[in-house]
All heavy atoms as atom14 arrays in JSON, in Angstrom:
{
  "sequence": "PMSDVHNDEIKVLLDKNKIEHTEAVMYRTVSNDFTKDESFDYDMLV",
  "atom14_mask": [
    [1, 1, 1, 1, 1, 1, 1, 0, 0, 0, 0, 0, 0, 0],
    [1, 1, 1, 1, 1, 1, 1, 1, 0, 0, 0, 0, 0, 0],
    [1, 1, 1, 1, 1, 1, 0, 0, 0, 0, 0, 0, 0, 0],
    [1, 1, 1, 1, 1, 1, 1, 1, 0, 0, 0, 0, 0, 0],
    [1, 1, 1, 1, 1, 1, 1, 0, 0, 0, 0, 0, 0, 0],
    [1, 1, 1, 1, 1, 1, 1, 1, 1, 1, 0, 0, 0, 0],
    [1, 1, 1, 1, 1, 1, 1, 1, 0, 0, 0, 0, 0, 0],
    [1, 1, 1, 1, 1, 1, 1, 1, 0, 0, 0, 0, 0, 0],
    [1, 1, 1, 1, 1, 1, 1, 1, 1, 0, 0, 0, 0, 0],
    [1, 1, 1, 1, 1, 1, 1, 1, 0, 0, 0, 0, 0, 0],
    [1, 1, 1, 1, 1, 1, 1, 1, 1, 0, 0, 0, 0, 0],
    [1, 1, 1, 1, 1, 1, 1, 0, 0, 0, 0, 0, 0, 0],
    [1, 1, 1, 1, 1, 1, 1, 1, 0, 0, 0, 0, 0, 0],
    [1, 1, 1, 1, 1, 1, 1, 1, 0, 0, 0, 0, 0, 0],
    [1, 1, 1, 1, 1, 1, 1, 1, 0, 0, 0, 0, 0, 0],
    [1, 1, 1, 1, 1, 1, 1, 1, 1, 0, 0, 0, 0, 0],
    [1, 1, 1, 1, 1, 1, 1, 1, 0, 0, 0, 0, 0, 0],
    [1, 1, 1, 1, 1, 1, 1, 1, 1, 0, 0, 0, 0, 0],
    [1, 1, 1, 1, 1, 1, 1, 1, 0, 0, 0, 0, 0, 0],
    [1, 1, 1, 1, 1, 1, 1, 1, 1, 0, 0, 0, 0, 0],
    [1, 1, 1, 1, 1, 1, 1, 1, 1, 1, 0, 0, 0, 0],
    [1, 1, 1, 1, 1, 1, 1, 0, 0, 0, 0, 0, 0, 0],
    [1, 1, 1, 1, 1, 1, 1, 1, 1, 0, 0, 0, 0, 0],
    [1, 1, 1, 1, 1, 0, 0, 0, 0, 0, 0, 0, 0, 0],
    [1, 1, 1, 1, 1, 1, 1, 0, 0, 0, 0, 0, 0, 0],
    [1, 1, 1, 1, 1, 1, 1, 1, 0, 0, 0, 0, 0, 0],
    [1, 1, 1, 1, 1, 1, 1, 1, 1, 1, 1, 1, 0, 0],
    [1, 1, 1, 1, 1, 1, 1, 1, 1, 1, 1, 0, 0, 0],
    [1, 1, 1, 1, 1, 1, 1, 0, 0, 0, 0, 0, 0, 0],
    [1, 1, 1, 1, 1, 1, 1, 0, 0, 0, 0, 0, 0, 0],
    [1, 1, 1, 1, 1, 1, 0, 0, 0, 0, 0, 0, 0, 0],
    [1, 1, 1, 1, 1, 1, 1, 1, 0, 0, 0, 0, 0, 0],
    [1, 1, 1, 1, 1, 1, 1, 1, 0, 0, 0, 0, 0, 0],
    [1, 1, 1, 1, 1, 1, 1, 1, 1, 1, 1, 0, 0, 0],
    [1, 1, 1, 1, 1, 1, 1, 0, 0, 0, 0, 0, 0, 0],
    [1, 1, 1, 1, 1, 1, 1, 1, 1, 0, 0, 0, 0, 0],
    [1, 1, 1, 1, 1, 1, 1, 1, 0, 0, 0, 0, 0, 0],
    [1, 1, 1, 1, 1, 1, 1, 1, 1, 0, 0, 0, 0, 0],
    [1, 1, 1, 1, 1, 1, 0, 0, 0, 0, 0, 0, 0, 0],
    [1, 1, 1, 1, 1, 1, 1, 1, 1, 1, 1, 0, 0, 0],
    [1, 1, 1, 1, 1, 1, 1, 1, 0, 0, 0, 0, 0, 0],
    [1, 1, 1, 1, 1, 1, 1, 1, 1, 1, 1, 1, 0, 0],
    [1, 1, 1, 1, 1, 1, 1, 1, 0, 0, 0, 0, 0, 0],
    [1, 1, 1, 1, 1, 1, 1, 1, 0, 0, 0, 0, 0, 0],
    [1, 1, 1, 1, 1, 1, 1, 1, 0, 0, 0, 0, 0, 0],
    [1, 1, 1, 1, 1, 1, 1, 0, 0, 0, 0, 0, 0, 0]
  ],
  "atom14_positions": [
    [[118.55, 100.77, 113.38], [118.37, 100.97, 114.84], [116.89, 100.73, 115.16], [115.99, 101.28, 114.51], [118.73, 102.43, 115.05], [119.31, 102.92, 113.75], [118.8, 102.03, 112.68], [0.0, 0.0, 0.0], [0.0, 0.0, 0.0], [0.0, 0.0, 0.0], [0.0, 0.0, 0.0], [0.0, 0.0, 0.0], [0.0, 0.0, 0.0], [0.0, 0.0, 0.0]],
    [[116.65, 99.93, 116.22], [115.29, 99.57, 116.58], [115.01, 99.88, 118.04], [115.91, 100.0, 118.86], [115.05, 98.05, 116.38], [115.43, 97.51, 115.01], [114.27, 97.96, 113.73], [113.04, 96.65, 113.94], [0.0, 0.0, 0.0], [0.0, 0.0, 0.0], [0.0, 0.0, 0.0], [0.0, 0.0, 0.0], [0.0, 0.0, 0.0], [0.0, 0.0, 0.0]],
    [[113.69, 99.93, 118.35], [113.26, 99.99, 119.75], [113.15, 98.58, 120.26], [113.1, 97.61, 119.5], [111.88, 100.69, 119.82], [111.27, 100.42, 121.06], [0.0, 0.0, 0.0], [0.0, 0.0, 0.0], [0.0, 0.0, 0.0], [0.0, 0.0, 0.0], [0.0, 0.0, 0.0], [0.0, 0.0, 0.0], [0.0, 0.0, 0.0], [0.0, 0.0, 0.0]],
    [[113.14, 98.41, 121.58], [112.95, 97.07, 122.16], [111.56, 96.53, 121.83], [111.32, 95.34, 121.87], [113.19, 97.08, 123.66], [112.19, 97.94, 124.43], [111.72, 98.95, 123.85], [111.91, 97.67, 125.6], [0.0, 0.0, 0.0], [0.0, 0.0, 0.0], [0.0, 0.0, 0.0], [0.0, 0.0, 0.0], [0.0, 0.0, 0.0], [0.0, 0.0, 0.0]],
    [[110.63, 97.44, 121.48], [109.27, 97.02, 121.1], [109.12, 97.26, 119.59], [109.06, 98.42, 119.15], [108.21, 97.81, 121.85], [106.81, 97.37, 121.46], [108.38, 97.64, 123.38], [0.0, 0.0, 0.0], [0.0, 0.0, 0.0], [0.0, 0.0, 0.0], [0.0, 0.0, 0.0], [0.0, 0.0, 0.0], [0.0, 0.0, 0.0], [0.0, 0.0, 0.0]],
    [[109.14, 96.2, 118.83], [108.99, 96.36, 117.36], [108.45, 95.07, 116.79], [108.51, 94.02, 117.43], [110.37, 96.71, 116.73], [111.4, 95.63, 116.91], [112.27, 95.61, 117.98], [111.67, 94.48, 116.2], [113.05, 94.55, 117.91], [112.73, 93.84, 116.85], [0.0, 0.0, 0.0], [0.0, 0.0, 0.0], [0.0, 0.0, 0.0], [0.0, 0.0, 0.0]],
    [[107.92, 95.17, 115.56], [107.44, 93.98, 114.89], [108.49, 93.56, 113.82], [109.53, 94.21, 113.66], [106.06, 94.19, 114.27], [106.04, 95.33, 113.27], [106.99, 95.56, 112.53], [104.95, 96.07, 113.24], [0.0, 0.0, 0.0], [0.0, 0.0, 0.0], [0.0, 0.0, 0.0], [0.0, 0.0, 0.0], [0.0, 0.0, 0.0], [0.0, 0.0, 0.0]],
    [[108.21, 92.52, 113.08], [109.16, 92.0, 112.11], [108.92, 92.46, 110.7], [109.47, 91.89, 109.75], [109.15, 90.45, 112.15], [109.76, 89.9, 113.44], [110.63, 90.6, 114.01], [109.39, 88.81, 113.88], [0.0, 0.0, 0.0], [0.0, 0.0, 0.0], [0.0, 0.0, 0.0], [0.0, 0.0, 0.0], [0.0, 0.0, 0.0], [0.0, 0.0, 0.0]],
    [[108.07, 93.48, 110.51], [107.73, 93.92, 109.16], [108.96, 94.24, 108.31], [109.12, 93.78, 107.18], [106.82, 95.15, 109.2], [106.44, 95.66, 107.83], [105.92, 97.1, 107.83], [106.14, 97.82, 108.79], [105.31, 97.48, 106.79], [0.0, 0.0, 0.0], [0.0, 0.0, 0.0], [0.0, 0.0, 0.0], [0.0, 0.0, 0.0], [0.0, 0.0, 0.0]],
    [[109.86, 95.03, 108.87], [111.05, 95.49, 108.12], [111.94, 94.28, 107.78], [112.38, 94.11, 106.64], [111.85, 96.54, 108.92], [111.01, 97.83, 109.0], [113.19, 96.81, 108.28], [111.62, 98.91, 109.88], [0.0, 0.0, 0.0], [0.0, 0.0, 0.0], [0.0, 0.0, 0.0], [0.0, 0.0, 0.0], [0.0, 0.0, 0.0], [0.0, 0.0, 0.0]],
    [[112.18, 93.43, 108.77], [113.05, 92.23, 108.55], [112.47, 91.35, 107.45], [113.18, 90.91, 106.57], [113.15, 91.46, 109.86], [113.92, 90.16, 109.71], [114.08, 89.45, 111.05], [114.56, 88.01, 110.9], [115.72, 87.88, 110.01], [0.0, 0.0, 0.0], [0.0, 0.0, 0.0], [0.0, 0.0, 0.0], [0.0, 0.0, 0.0], [0.0, 0.0, 0.0]],
    [[111.14, 91.11, 107.52], [110.49, 90.23, 106.53], [110.62, 90.79, 105.13], [110.96, 90.08, 104.18], [109.0, 90.03, 106.92], [108.24, 89.37, 105.76], [108.88, 89.18, 108.19], [0.0, 0.0, 0.0], [0.0, 0.0, 0.0], [0.0, 0.0, 0.0], [0.0, 0.0, 0.0], [0.0, 0.0, 0.0], [0.0, 0.0, 0.0], [0.0, 0.0, 0.0]],
    [[110.36, 92.11, 104.97], [110.43, 92.71, 103.65], [111.84, 92.74, 103.11], [112.07, 92.5, 101.9], [109.86, 94.13, 103.7], [108.32, 94.25, 103.89], [107.93, 95.66, 104.18], [107.62, 93.74, 102.61], [0.0, 0.0, 0.0], [0.0, 0.0, 0.0], [0.0, 0.0, 0.0], [0.0, 0.0, 0.0], [0.0, 0.0, 0.0], [0.0, 0.0, 0.0]],
    [[112.83, 93.04, 103.95], [114.22, 93.05, 103.47], [114.73, 91.65, 103.12], [115.43, 91.47, 102.13], [115.12, 93.73, 104.52], [114.86, 95.23, 104.76], [115.82, 95.76, 105.84], [115.02, 96.03, 103.49], [0.0, 0.0, 0.0], [0.0, 0.0, 0.0], [0.0, 0.0, 0.0], [0.0, 0.0, 0.0], [0.0, 0.0, 0.0], [0.0, 0.0, 0.0]],
    [[114.34, 90.7, 103.99], [114.74, 89.31, 103.67], [114.13, 88.84, 102.35], [114.8, 88.2, 101.54], [114.28, 88.38, 104.79], [115.17, 88.46, 106.04], [116.28, 89.05, 105.93], [114.76, 87.99, 107.11], [0.0, 0.0, 0.0], [0.0, 0.0, 0.0], [0.0, 0.0, 0.0], [0.0, 0.0, 0.0], [0.0, 0.0, 0.0], [0.0, 0.0, 0.0]],
    [[112.87, 89.22, 102.15], [112.16, 88.81, 100.93], [112.85, 89.37, 99.67], [112.88, 88.72, 98.63], [110.72, 89.3, 101.02], [109.82, 88.86, 99.87], [108.41, 89.39, 100.04], [107.54, 88.99, 98.86], [106.15, 89.57, 99.01], [0.0, 0.0, 0.0], [0.0, 0.0, 0.0], [0.0, 0.0, 0.0], [0.0, 0.0, 0.0], [0.0, 0.0, 0.0]],
    [[113.42, 90.57, 99.82], [114.08, 91.23, 98.67], [115.58, 90.99, 98.66], [116.31, 91.66, 97.91], [113.76, 92.73, 98.68], [112.33, 93.04, 98.26], [112.05, 93.1, 97.05], [111.44, 93.17, 99.21], [0.0, 0.0, 0.0], [0.0, 0.0, 0.0], [0.0, 0.0, 0.0], [0.0, 0.0, 0.0], [0.0, 0.0, 0.0], [0.0, 0.0, 0.0]],
    [[116.02, 90.04, 99.53], [117.45, 89.66, 99.61], [118.37, 90.87, 99.84], [119.42, 90.99, 99.21], [117.85, 88.91, 98.35], [117.11, 87.57, 98.17], [117.55, 86.85, 96.94], [117.0, 85.44, 96.89], [115.54, 85.34, 96.93], [0.0, 0.0, 0.0], [0.0, 0.0, 0.0], [0.0, 0.0, 0.0], [0.0, 0.0, 0.0], [0.0, 0.0, 0.0]],
    [[117.95, 91.77, 100.76], [118.75, 92.92, 101.12], [119.55, 92.59, 102.34], [118.99, 92.18, 103.4], [117.86, 94.15, 101.42], [117.01, 94.5, 100.2], [118.67, 95.31, 101.88], [117.78, 94.97, 98.98], [0.0, 0.0, 0.0], [0.0, 0.0, 0.0], [0.0, 0.0, 0.0], [0.0, 0.0, 0.0], [0.0, 0.0, 0.0], [0.0, 0.0, 0.0]],
    [[120.87, 92.75, 102.28], [121.73, 92.46, 103.41], [121.53, 93.54, 104.49], [121.66, 94.75, 104.25], [123.2, 92.43, 102.99], [124.14, 91.92, 104.07], [125.57, 91.77, 103.58], [125.83, 91.85, 102.36], [126.44, 91.56, 104.43], [0.0, 0.0, 0.0], [0.0, 0.0, 0.0], [0.0, 0.0, 0.0], [0.0, 0.0, 0.0], [0.0, 0.0, 0.0]],
    [[121.19, 93.12, 105.7], [120.9, 94.07, 106.76], [121.08, 93.5, 108.15], [121.13, 92.27, 108.34], [119.46, 94.59, 106.62], [118.43, 93.52, 106.96], [118.08, 92.5, 106.08], [117.71, 93.29, 108.08], [117.18, 91.73, 106.63], [116.92, 92.17, 107.84], [0.0, 0.0, 0.0], [0.0, 0.0, 0.0], [0.0, 0.0, 0.0], [0.0, 0.0, 0.0]],
    [[121.26, 94.38, 109.11], [121.39, 94.01, 110.52], [120.44, 94.88, 111.34], [120.47, 96.13, 111.19], [122.8, 94.2, 111.04], [123.71, 93.5, 110.19], [122.94, 93.68, 112.48], [0.0, 0.0, 0.0], [0.0, 0.0, 0.0], [0.0, 0.0, 0.0], [0.0, 0.0, 0.0], [0.0, 0.0, 0.0], [0.0, 0.0, 0.0], [0.0, 0.0, 0.0]],
    [[119.64, 94.28, 112.19], [118.82, 95.04, 113.14], [119.46, 95.02, 114.49], [120.0, 94.0, 114.9], [117.42, 94.44, 113.22], [116.63, 94.44, 111.9], [115.43, 93.5, 111.97], [114.49, 93.87, 112.69], [115.47, 92.47, 111.32], [0.0, 0.0, 0.0], [0.0, 0.0, 0.0], [0.0, 0.0, 0.0], [0.0, 0.0, 0.0], [0.0, 0.0, 0.0]],
    [[119.39, 96.13, 115.22], [119.94, 96.18, 116.56], [119.09, 97.1, 117.42], [118.69, 98.18, 116.96], [121.38, 96.66, 116.56], [0.0, 0.0, 0.0], [0.0, 0.0, 0.0], [0.0, 0.0, 0.0], [0.0, 0.0, 0.0], [0.0, 0.0, 0.0], [0.0, 0.0, 0.0], [0.0, 0.0, 0.0], [0.0, 0.0, 0.0], [0.0, 0.0, 0.0]],
    [[118.8, 96.66, 118.63], [118.05, 97.51, 119.56], [118.99, 98.55, 120.13], [120.07, 98.25, 120.62], [117.47, 96.63, 120.74], [116.82, 97.55, 121.79], [116.43, 95.64, 120.19], [0.0, 0.0, 0.0], [0.0, 0.0, 0.0], [0.0, 0.0, 0.0], [0.0, 0.0, 0.0], [0.0, 0.0, 0.0], [0.0, 0.0, 0.0], [0.0, 0.0, 0.0]],
    [[118.56, 99.84, 119.98], [119.4, 100.93, 120.5], [118.68, 101.8, 121.55], [119.28, 102.61, 122.22], [119.87, 101.83, 119.35], [120.75, 101.1, 118.35], [121.58, 102.18, 117.18], [123.08, 102.57, 118.07], [0.0, 0.0, 0.0], [0.0, 0.0, 0.0], [0.0, 0.0, 0.0], [0.0, 0.0, 0.0], [0.0, 0.0, 0.0], [0.0, 0.0, 0.0]],
    [[117.34, 101.61, 121.66], [116.59, 102.38, 122.64], [115.36, 101.57, 123.08], [114.98, 100.6, 122.46], [116.17, 103.73, 122.07], [115.4, 103.67, 120.78], [113.99, 103.88, 120.74], [116.05, 103.47, 119.55], [113.32, 103.85, 119.54], [115.34, 103.46, 118.36], [113.96, 103.64, 118.37], [113.28, 103.62, 117.17], [0.0, 0.0, 0.0], [0.0, 0.0, 0.0]],
    [[114.77, 101.99, 124.23], [113.67, 101.2, 124.77], [112.66, 102.14, 125.42], [112.97, 103.29, 125.79], [114.18, 100.22, 125.81], [114.91, 100.88, 126.97], [115.45, 99.84, 127.95], [116.5, 100.46, 128.73], [117.73, 99.91, 128.95], [118.0, 98.71, 128.48], [118.62, 100.53, 129.68], [0.0, 0.0, 0.0], [0.0, 0.0, 0.0], [0.0, 0.0, 0.0]],
    [[111.45, 101.63, 125.56], [110.38, 102.39, 126.23], [110.28, 101.92, 127.66], [110.2, 100.7, 127.95], [109.02, 102.11, 125.51], [109.18, 102.53, 124.12], [107.89, 102.92, 126.15], [0.0, 0.0, 0.0], [0.0, 0.0, 0.0], [0.0, 0.0, 0.0], [0.0, 0.0, 0.0], [0.0, 0.0, 0.0], [0.0, 0.0, 0.0], [0.0, 0.0, 0.0]],
    [[110.3, 102.89, 128.6], [110.19, 102.53, 129.99], [109.1, 103.38, 130.68], [108.68, 104.43, 130.14], [111.55, 102.78, 130.75], [112.61, 101.84, 130.19], [111.99, 104.21, 130.65], [0.0, 0.0, 0.0], [0.0, 0.0, 0.0], [0.0, 0.0, 0.0], [0.0, 0.0, 0.0], [0.0, 0.0, 0.0], [0.0, 0.0, 0.0], [0.0, 0.0, 0.0]],
    [[108.66, 102.96, 131.83], [107.65, 103.69, 132.57], [108.22, 105.01, 133.09], [109.34, 105.07, 133.6], [107.18, 102.83, 133.76], [106.26, 103.57, 134.57], [0.0, 0.0, 0.0], [0.0, 0.0, 0.0], [0.0, 0.0, 0.0], [0.0, 0.0, 0.0], [0.0, 0.0, 0.0], [0.0, 0.0, 0.0], [0.0, 0.0, 0.0], [0.0, 0.0, 0.0]],
    [[107.45, 106.06, 132.93], [107.83, 107.41, 133.45], [107.1, 107.55, 134.79], [105.97, 108.01, 134.87], [107.38, 108.49, 132.46], [107.95, 109.85, 132.79], [108.87, 109.98, 133.6], [107.4, 110.87, 132.15], [0.0, 0.0, 0.0], [0.0, 0.0, 0.0], [0.0, 0.0, 0.0], [0.0, 0.0, 0.0], [0.0, 0.0, 0.0], [0.0, 0.0, 0.0]],
    [[107.8, 107.13, 135.86], [107.13, 106.99, 137.18], [106.7, 108.33, 137.79], [107.36, 109.36, 137.63], [108.08, 106.27, 138.15], [108.31, 104.82, 137.76], [107.54, 104.31, 136.91], [109.24, 104.21, 138.27], [0.0, 0.0, 0.0], [0.0, 0.0, 0.0], [0.0, 0.0, 0.0], [0.0, 0.0, 0.0], [0.0, 0.0, 0.0], [0.0, 0.0, 0.0]],
    [[105.56, 108.27, 138.45], [105.01, 109.42, 139.18], [105.72, 109.54, 140.53], [106.08, 108.54, 141.15], [103.51, 109.27, 139.4], [102.69, 109.58, 138.2], [102.69, 108.76, 137.07], [101.89, 110.71, 138.16], [101.94, 109.04, 135.95], [101.12, 111.0, 137.03], [101.14, 110.19, 135.95], [0.0, 0.0, 0.0], [0.0, 0.0, 0.0], [0.0, 0.0, 0.0]],
    [[105.9, 110.75, 140.99], [106.48, 110.98, 142.31], [105.36, 111.07, 143.33], [104.19, 111.29, 142.98], [107.32, 112.27, 142.36], [106.47, 113.38, 142.01], [108.47, 112.21, 141.36], [0.0, 0.0, 0.0], [0.0, 0.0, 0.0], [0.0, 0.0, 0.0], [0.0, 0.0, 0.0], [0.0, 0.0, 0.0], [0.0, 0.0, 0.0], [0.0, 0.0, 0.0]],
    [[105.7, 110.91, 144.59], [104.71, 110.93, 145.67], [103.96, 112.27, 145.81], [102.81, 112.32, 146.24], [105.36, 110.57, 147.0], [105.8, 109.11, 147.1], [106.44, 108.81, 148.42], [106.88, 107.34, 148.49], [107.55, 107.02, 149.76], [0.0, 0.0, 0.0], [0.0, 0.0, 0.0], [0.0, 0.0, 0.0], [0.0, 0.0, 0.0], [0.0, 0.0, 0.0]],
    [[104.64, 113.35, 145.38], [103.99, 114.67, 145.52], [103.21, 115.09, 144.29], [102.66, 116.19, 144.23], [105.04, 115.75, 145.87], [106.15, 115.84, 144.85], [106.18, 114.97, 143.95], [106.97, 116.76, 144.94], [0.0, 0.0, 0.0], [0.0, 0.0, 0.0], [0.0, 0.0, 0.0], [0.0, 0.0, 0.0], [0.0, 0.0, 0.0], [0.0, 0.0, 0.0]],
    [[103.12, 114.21, 143.28], [102.33, 114.52, 142.1], [100.86, 114.16, 142.35], [100.55, 113.03, 142.75], [102.8, 113.75, 140.89], [104.05, 114.33, 140.23], [104.4, 113.62, 138.93], [103.87, 114.0, 137.89], [105.21, 112.68, 138.96], [0.0, 0.0, 0.0], [0.0, 0.0, 0.0], [0.0, 0.0, 0.0], [0.0, 0.0, 0.0], [0.0, 0.0, 0.0]],
    [[99.96, 115.11, 142.15], [98.53, 114.83, 142.36], [98.0, 113.99, 141.22], [98.51, 114.07, 140.09], [97.76, 116.16, 142.45], [97.89, 116.87, 141.25], [0.0, 0.0, 0.0], [0.0, 0.0, 0.0], [0.0, 0.0, 0.0], [0.0, 0.0, 0.0], [0.0, 0.0, 0.0], [0.0, 0.0, 0.0], [0.0, 0.0, 0.0], [0.0, 0.0, 0.0]],
    [[97.03, 113.17, 141.49], [96.44, 112.33, 140.46], [94.91, 112.34, 140.67], [94.34, 111.36, 141.09], [97.0, 110.89, 140.57], [96.74, 110.07, 139.35], [97.45, 110.28, 138.19], [95.79, 109.08, 139.35], [97.21, 109.51, 137.05], [95.54, 108.28, 138.24], [96.24, 108.52, 137.09], [0.0, 0.0, 0.0], [0.0, 0.0, 0.0], [0.0, 0.0, 0.0]],
    [[94.33, 113.49, 140.4], [92.9, 113.71, 140.66], [92.16, 114.05, 139.38], [91.59, 115.14, 139.25], [92.73, 114.78, 141.71], [93.43, 116.08, 141.35], [94.29, 116.05, 140.4], [93.16, 117.13, 141.95], [0.0, 0.0, 0.0], [0.0, 0.0, 0.0], [0.0, 0.0, 0.0], [0.0, 0.0, 0.0], [0.0, 0.0, 0.0], [0.0, 0.0, 0.0]],
    [[92.19, 113.14, 138.43], [91.61, 113.42, 137.11], [90.25, 112.75, 136.91], [89.97, 111.69, 137.48], [92.59, 112.93, 136.02], [93.88, 113.71, 136.04], [95.02, 113.2, 136.71], [94.0, 114.94, 135.43], [96.2, 113.88, 136.76], [95.22, 115.67, 135.5], [96.29, 115.14, 136.14], [97.43, 115.84, 136.2], [0.0, 0.0, 0.0], [0.0, 0.0, 0.0]],
    [[89.45, 113.41, 136.06], [88.14, 112.83, 135.72], [88.28, 111.96, 134.47], [87.4, 111.16, 134.16], [87.14, 113.95, 135.42], [86.99, 114.91, 136.58], [86.67, 114.46, 137.7], [87.24, 116.13, 136.39], [0.0, 0.0, 0.0], [0.0, 0.0, 0.0], [0.0, 0.0, 0.0], [0.0, 0.0, 0.0], [0.0, 0.0, 0.0], [0.0, 0.0, 0.0]],
    [[89.38, 112.17, 133.74], [89.59, 111.42, 132.52], [91.06, 111.22, 132.22], [91.85, 112.14, 132.42], [88.89, 112.12, 131.31], [88.96, 111.36, 130.0], [87.9, 112.1, 128.76], [87.94, 110.8, 127.51], [0.0, 0.0, 0.0], [0.0, 0.0, 0.0], [0.0, 0.0, 0.0], [0.0, 0.0, 0.0], [0.0, 0.0, 0.0], [0.0, 0.0, 0.0]],
    [[91.41, 110.03, 131.75], [92.8, 109.7, 131.36], [92.78, 109.28, 129.89], [91.92, 108.5, 129.47], [93.35, 108.53, 132.2], [93.22, 108.65, 133.73], [93.68, 107.35, 134.37], [94.06, 109.84, 134.24], [0.0, 0.0, 0.0], [0.0, 0.0, 0.0], [0.0, 0.0, 0.0], [0.0, 0.0, 0.0], [0.0, 0.0, 0.0], [0.0, 0.0, 0.0]],
    [[93.73, 109.81, 129.1], [93.79, 109.5, 127.69], [95.13, 108.83, 127.36], [96.19, 109.42, 127.63], [93.58, 110.76, 126.82], [93.66, 110.43, 125.35], [92.22, 111.41, 127.15], [0.0, 0.0, 0.0], [0.0, 0.0, 0.0], [0.0, 0.0, 0.0], [0.0, 0.0, 0.0], [0.0, 0.0, 0.0], [0.0, 0.0, 0.0], [0.0, 0.0, 0.0]]
  ]
}
């Protein structure tokens, strides 16, 4: 199971070792939107 954002490290290593496998996207990262009534008055963002 993979995220929609991933690199090919696992695929490359398994292919190299001739391991039968299937990758499939099962989850994704999306923006967690701010609402209009949320204040955004910060001196620093991390």
